[in-house]
Amino acid sequence: MRVKKVEGAEGLWEMTFSQRDPDGRATWEWTTIDGQPAIRWRRVGTHDILGNP
């Protein structure tokens, strides 16, 4: 698994969870819910999701 910031998208992160065909990717952002740190999942899919994270 690899985690890194999404280039050109402030505050968004990406995770690669599979590099086989099909590849697995997800994007998310850190947020707060009821004063607690949380993750807001944005998109889950293949490498194509990075075109509009």
PDB file of N, CA and C in Angstrom:
ATOM      1  N   MET A   1       0.851  -1.157   0.000  1.00  0.00           N
ATOM      2  CA  MET A   1       0.000   0.000   0.000  1.00  0.00           C
ATOM      3  C   MET A   1       0.901   1.225   0.000  1.00  0.00           C
ATOM      4  N   ARG A   2       0.492   2.232  -0.765  1.00  0.00           N
ATOM      5  CA  ARG A   2       1.249   3.488  -0.840  1.00  0.00           C
ATOM      6  C   ARG A   2       0.292   4.643  -0.572  1.00  0.00           C
ATOM      7  N   VAL A   3       0.745   5.625   0.209  1.00  0.00           N
ATOM      8  CA  VAL A   3      -0.052   6.804   0.532  1.00  0.00           C
ATOM      9  C   VAL A   3       0.781   8.033   0.218  1.00  0.00           C
ATOM     10  N   LYS A   4       0.162   9.019  -0.462  1.00  0.00           N
ATOM     11  CA  LYS A   4       0.862  10.268  -0.749  1.00  0.00           C
ATOM     12  C   LYS A   4      -0.148  11.359  -1.070  1.00  0.00           C
ATOM     13  N   LYS A   5       0.312  12.615  -1.066  1.00  0.00           N
ATOM     14  CA  LYS A   5      -0.539  13.747  -1.421  1.00  0.00           C
ATOM     15  C   LYS A   5      -0.836  13.697  -2.923  1.00  0.00           C
ATOM     16  N   VAL A   6      -2.030  14.167  -3.293  1.00  0.00           N
ATOM     17  CA  VAL A   6      -2.388  14.265  -4.709  1.00  0.00           C
ATOM     18  C   VAL A   6      -1.754  15.532  -5.258  1.00  0.00           C
ATOM     19  N   GLU A   7      -0.946  15.405  -6.287  1.00  0.00           N
ATOM     20  CA  GLU A   7      -0.289  16.568  -6.889  1.00  0.00           C
ATOM     21  C   GLU A   7      -1.323  17.497  -7.503  1.00  0.00           C
ATOM     22  N   GLY A   8      -1.215  18.786  -7.186  1.00  0.00           N
ATOM     23  CA  GLY A   8      -2.101  19.791  -7.756  1.00  0.00           C
ATOM     24  C   GLY A   8      -3.493  19.846  -7.142  1.00  0.00           C
ATOM     25  N   ALA A   9      -3.714  19.144  -6.039  1.00  0.00           N
ATOM     26  CA  ALA A   9      -5.024  19.147  -5.372  1.00  0.00           C
ATOM     27  C   ALA A   9      -4.796  19.344  -3.873  1.00  0.00           C
ATOM     28  N   GLU A  10      -4.809  20.583  -3.437  1.00  0.00           N
ATOM     29  CA  GLU A  10      -4.522  20.939  -2.047  1.00  0.00           C
ATOM     30  C   GLU A  10      -5.430  20.194  -1.073  1.00  0.00           C
ATOM     31  N   GLY A  11      -4.831  19.545  -0.084  1.00  0.00           N
ATOM     32  CA  GLY A  11      -5.575  18.888   0.977  1.00  0.00           C
ATOM     33  C   GLY A  11      -6.083  17.487   0.659  1.00  0.00           C
ATOM     34  N   LEU A  12      -5.819  16.987  -0.559  1.00  0.00           N
ATOM     35  CA  LEU A  12      -6.272  15.650  -0.922  1.00  0.00           C
ATOM     36  C   LEU A  12      -5.115  14.662  -0.891  1.00  0.00           C
ATOM     37  N   TRP A  13      -5.437  13.441  -0.514  1.00  0.00           N
ATOM     38  CA  TRP A  13      -4.467  12.362  -0.429  1.00  0.00           C
ATOM     39  C   TRP A  13      -4.918  11.209  -1.303  1.00  0.00           C
ATOM     40  N   GLU A  14      -3.971  10.390  -1.746  1.00  0.00           N
ATOM     41  CA  GLU A  14      -4.312   9.195  -2.502  1.00  0.00           C
ATOM     42  C   GLU A  14      -3.670   7.973  -1.877  1.00  0.00           C
ATOM     43  N   MET A  15      -4.312   6.849  -2.065  1.00  0.00           N
ATOM     44  CA  MET A  15      -3.813   5.578  -1.566  1.00  0.00           C
ATOM     45  C   MET A  15      -3.888   4.578  -2.714  1.00  0.00           C
ATOM     46  N   THR A  16      -2.801   3.846  -2.923  1.00  0.00           N
ATOM     47  CA  THR A  16      -2.784   2.755  -3.885  1.00  0.00           C
ATOM     48  C   THR A  16      -2.847   1.468  -3.082  1.00  0.00           C
ATOM     49  N   PHE A  17      -3.879   0.665  -3.312  1.00  0.00           N
ATOM     50  CA  PHE A  17      -4.000  -0.578  -2.554  1.00  0.00           C
ATOM     51  C   PHE A  17      -3.843  -1.810  -3.427  1.00  0.00           C
ATOM     52  N   SER A  18      -3.664  -1.621  -4.733  1.00  0.00           N
ATOM     53  CA  SER A  18      -3.375  -2.735  -5.635  1.00  0.00           C
ATOM     54  C   SER A  18      -2.727  -2.170  -6.885  1.00  0.00           C
ATOM     55  N   GLN A  19      -1.661  -2.815  -7.348  1.00  0.00           N
ATOM     56  CA  GLN A  19      -1.029  -2.377  -8.590  1.00  0.00           C
ATOM     57  C   GLN A  19      -1.217  -3.416  -9.691  1.00  0.00           C
ATOM     58  N   ARG A  20      -2.032  -4.398  -9.413  1.00  0.00           N
ATOM     59  CA  ARG A  20      -2.357  -5.400 -10.425  1.00  0.00           C
ATOM     60  C   ARG A  20      -3.477  -4.881 -11.299  1.00  0.00           C
ATOM     61  N   ASP A  21      -3.777  -5.599 -12.340  1.00  0.00           N
ATOM     62  CA  ASP A  21      -4.835  -5.184 -13.243  1.00  0.00           C
ATOM     63  C   ASP A  21      -6.148  -5.801 -12.801  1.00  0.00           C
ATOM     64  N   PRO A  22      -7.170  -5.069 -12.395  1.00  0.00           N
ATOM     65  CA  PRO A  22      -7.185  -3.612 -12.364  1.00  0.00           C
ATOM     66  C   PRO A  22      -6.499  -3.070 -11.110  1.00  0.00           C
ATOM     67  N   ASP A  23      -5.922  -1.893 -11.248  1.00  0.00           N
ATOM     68  CA  ASP A  23      -5.269  -1.277 -10.094  1.00  0.00           C
ATOM     69  C   ASP A  23      -6.328  -0.734  -9.143  1.00  0.00           C
ATOM     70  N   GLY A  24      -5.952  -0.518  -7.896  1.00  0.00           N
ATOM     71  CA  GLY A  24      -6.888  -0.005  -6.894  1.00  0.00           C
ATOM     72  C   GLY A  24      -6.371   1.285  -6.292  1.00  0.00           C
ATOM     73  N   ARG A  25      -7.194   2.326  -6.367  1.00  0.00           N
ATOM     74  CA  ARG A  25      -6.818   3.634  -5.832  1.00  0.00           C
ATOM     75  C   ARG A  25      -7.996   4.219  -5.059  1.00  0.00           C
ATOM     76  N   ALA A  26      -7.673   5.102  -4.138  1.00  0.00           N
ATOM     77  CA  ALA A  26      -8.704   5.840  -3.403  1.00  0.00           C
ATOM     78  C   ALA A  26      -8.156   7.222  -3.079  1.00  0.00           C
ATOM     79  N   THR A  27      -9.040   8.216  -3.048  1.00  0.00           N
ATOM     80  CA  THR A  27      -8.650   9.556  -2.627  1.00  0.00           C
ATOM     81  C   THR A  27      -9.503   9.946  -1.419  1.00  0.00           C
ATOM     82  N   TRP A  28      -8.915  10.765  -0.552  1.00  0.00           N
ATOM     83  CA  TRP A  28      -9.625  11.222   0.635  1.00  0.00           C
ATOM     84  C   TRP A  28      -9.046  12.531   1.109  1.00  0.00           C
ATOM     85  N   GLU A  29      -9.734  13.136   2.088  1.00  0.00           N
ATOM     86  CA  GLU A  29      -9.251  14.357   2.734  1.00  0.00           C
ATOM     87  C   GLU A  29      -9.482  14.226   4.236  1.00  0.00           C
ATOM     88  N   TRP A  30      -8.598  14.851   4.997  1.00  0.00           N
ATOM     89  CA  TRP A  30      -8.759  14.880   6.447  1.00  0.00           C
ATOM     90  C   TRP A  30      -9.824  15.913   6.777  1.00  0.00           C
ATOM     91  N   THR A  31     -10.648  15.629   7.778  1.00  0.00           N
ATOM     92  CA  THR A  31     -11.691  16.544   8.213  1.00  0.00           C
ATOM     93  C   THR A  31     -11.924  16.348   9.711  1.00  0.00           C
ATOM     94  N   THR A  32     -12.891  17.039  10.263  1.00  0.00           N
ATOM     95  CA  THR A  32     -13.262  16.898  11.671  1.00  0.00           C
ATOM     96  C   THR A  32     -14.764  16.668  11.758  1.00  0.00           C
ATOM     97  N   ILE A  33     -15.171  15.695  12.552  1.00  0.00           N
ATOM     98  CA  ILE A  33     -16.592  15.423  12.794  1.00  0.00           C
ATOM     99  C   ILE A  33     -16.800  15.413  14.306  1.00  0.00           C
ATOM    100  N   ASP A  34     -17.672  16.278  14.779  1.00  0.00           N
ATOM    101  CA  ASP A  34     -17.933  16.413  16.217  1.00  0.00           C
ATOM    102  C   ASP A  34     -16.643  16.596  17.011  1.00  0.00           C
ATOM    103  N   GLY A  35     -15.727  17.394  16.458  1.00  0.00           N
ATOM    104  CA  GLY A  35     -14.481  17.694  17.138  1.00  0.00           C
ATOM    105  C   GLY A  35     -13.425  16.598  17.077  1.00  0.00           C
ATOM    106  N   GLN A  36     -13.722  15.515  16.360  1.00  0.00           N
ATOM    107  CA  GLN A  36     -12.787  14.392  16.262  1.00  0.00           C
ATOM    108  C   GLN A  36     -12.207  14.313  14.836  1.00  0.00           C
ATOM    109  N   PRO A  37     -10.921  14.000  14.711  1.00  0.00           N
ATOM    110  CA  PRO A  37     -10.349  13.841  13.372  1.00  0.00           C
ATOM    111  C   PRO A  37     -11.026  12.694  12.627  1.00  0.00           C
ATOM    112  N   ALA A  38     -11.234  12.895  11.329  1.00  0.00           N
ATOM    113  CA  ALA A  38     -11.906  11.883  10.517  1.00  0.00           C
ATOM    114  C   ALA A  38     -11.388  11.965   9.082  1.00  0.00           C
ATOM    115  N   ILE A  39     -11.723  10.964   8.305  1.00  0.00           N
ATOM    116  CA  ILE A  39     -11.379  10.928   6.876  1.00  0.00           C
ATOM    117  C   ILE A  39     -12.668  10.976   6.080  1.00  0.00           C
ATOM    118  N   ARG A  40     -12.703  11.846   5.073  1.00  0.00           N
ATOM    119  CA  ARG A  40     -13.823  11.886   4.135  1.00  0.00           C
ATOM    120  C   ARG A  40     -13.335  11.224   2.849  1.00  0.00           C
ATOM    121  N   TRP A  41     -13.861  10.024   2.568  1.00  0.00           N
ATOM    122  CA  TRP A  41     -13.498   9.315   1.343  1.00  0.00           C
ATOM    123  C   TRP A  41     -14.126  10.046   0.174  1.00  0.00           C
ATOM    124  N   ARG A  42     -13.368  10.230  -0.888  1.00  0.00           N
ATOM    125  CA  ARG A  42     -13.852  10.969  -2.046  1.00  0.00           C
ATOM    126  C   ARG A  42     -14.149  10.051  -3.229  1.00  0.00           C
ATOM    127  N   ARG A  43     -13.139   9.307  -3.686  1.00  0.00           N
ATOM    128  CA  ARG A  43     -13.336   8.423  -4.829  1.00  0.00           C
ATOM    129  C   ARG A  43     -12.548   7.146  -4.613  1.00  0.00           C
ATOM    130  N   VAL A  44     -13.100   6.036  -5.076  1.00  0.00           N
ATOM    131  CA  VAL A  44     -12.433   4.744  -5.028  1.00  0.00           C
ATOM    132  C   VAL A  44     -12.597   4.120  -6.402  1.00  0.00           C
ATOM    133  N   GLY A  45     -11.488   3.596  -6.952  1.00  0.00           N
ATOM    134  CA  GLY A  45     -11.565   2.983  -8.275  1.00  0.00           C
ATOM    135  C   GLY A  45     -10.186   2.663  -8.811  1.00  0.00           C
ATOM    136  N   THR A  46      -9.989   2.923 -10.100  1.00  0.00           N
ATOM    137  CA  THR A  46      -8.701   2.679 -10.751  1.00  0.00           C
ATOM    138  C   THR A  46      -7.938   3.995 -10.861  1.00  0.00           C
ATOM    139  N   HIS A  47      -6.815   3.971 -11.534  1.00  0.00           N
ATOM    140  CA  HIS A  47      -5.983   5.157 -11.735  1.00  0.00           C
ATOM    141  C   HIS A  47      -6.784   6.312 -12.345  1.00  0.00           C
ATOM    142  N   ASP A  48      -7.847   6.008 -13.080  1.00  0.00           N
ATOM    143  CA  ASP A  48      -8.662   7.038 -13.729  1.00  0.00           C
ATOM    144  C   ASP A  48      -9.272   8.028 -12.753  1.00  0.00           C
ATOM    145  N   ILE A  49      -9.464   7.665 -11.485  1.00  0.00           N
ATOM    146  CA  ILE A  49     -10.083   8.581 -10.531  1.00  0.00           C
ATOM    147  C   ILE A  49      -9.218   9.805 -10.275  1.00  0.00           C
ATOM    148  N   LEU A  50      -7.925   9.699 -10.575  1.00  0.00           N
ATOM    149  CA  LEU A  50      -7.031  10.826 -10.291  1.00  0.00           C
ATOM    150  C   LEU A  50      -7.232  11.982 -11.262  1.00  0.00           C
ATOM    151  N   GLY A  51      -7.968  11.774 -12.350  1.00  0.00           N
ATOM    152  CA  GLY A  51      -8.278  12.858 -13.276  1.00  0.00           C
ATOM    153  C   GLY A  51      -9.240  13.869 -12.675  1.00  0.00           C
ATOM    154  N   ASN A  52     -10.030  13.453 -11.696  1.00  0.00           N
ATOM    155  CA  ASN A  52     -10.967  14.320 -10.992  1.00  0.00           C
ATOM    156  C   ASN A  52     -11.098  13.805  -9.558  1.00  0.00           C
ATOM    157  N   PRO A  53     -10.044  14.009  -8.733  1.00  0.00           N
ATOM    158  CA  PRO A  53      -9.999  13.396  -7.402  1.00  0.00           C
ATOM    159  C   PRO A  53     -11.076  13.904  -6.472  1.00  0.00           C
TER     160      PRO A  53
END
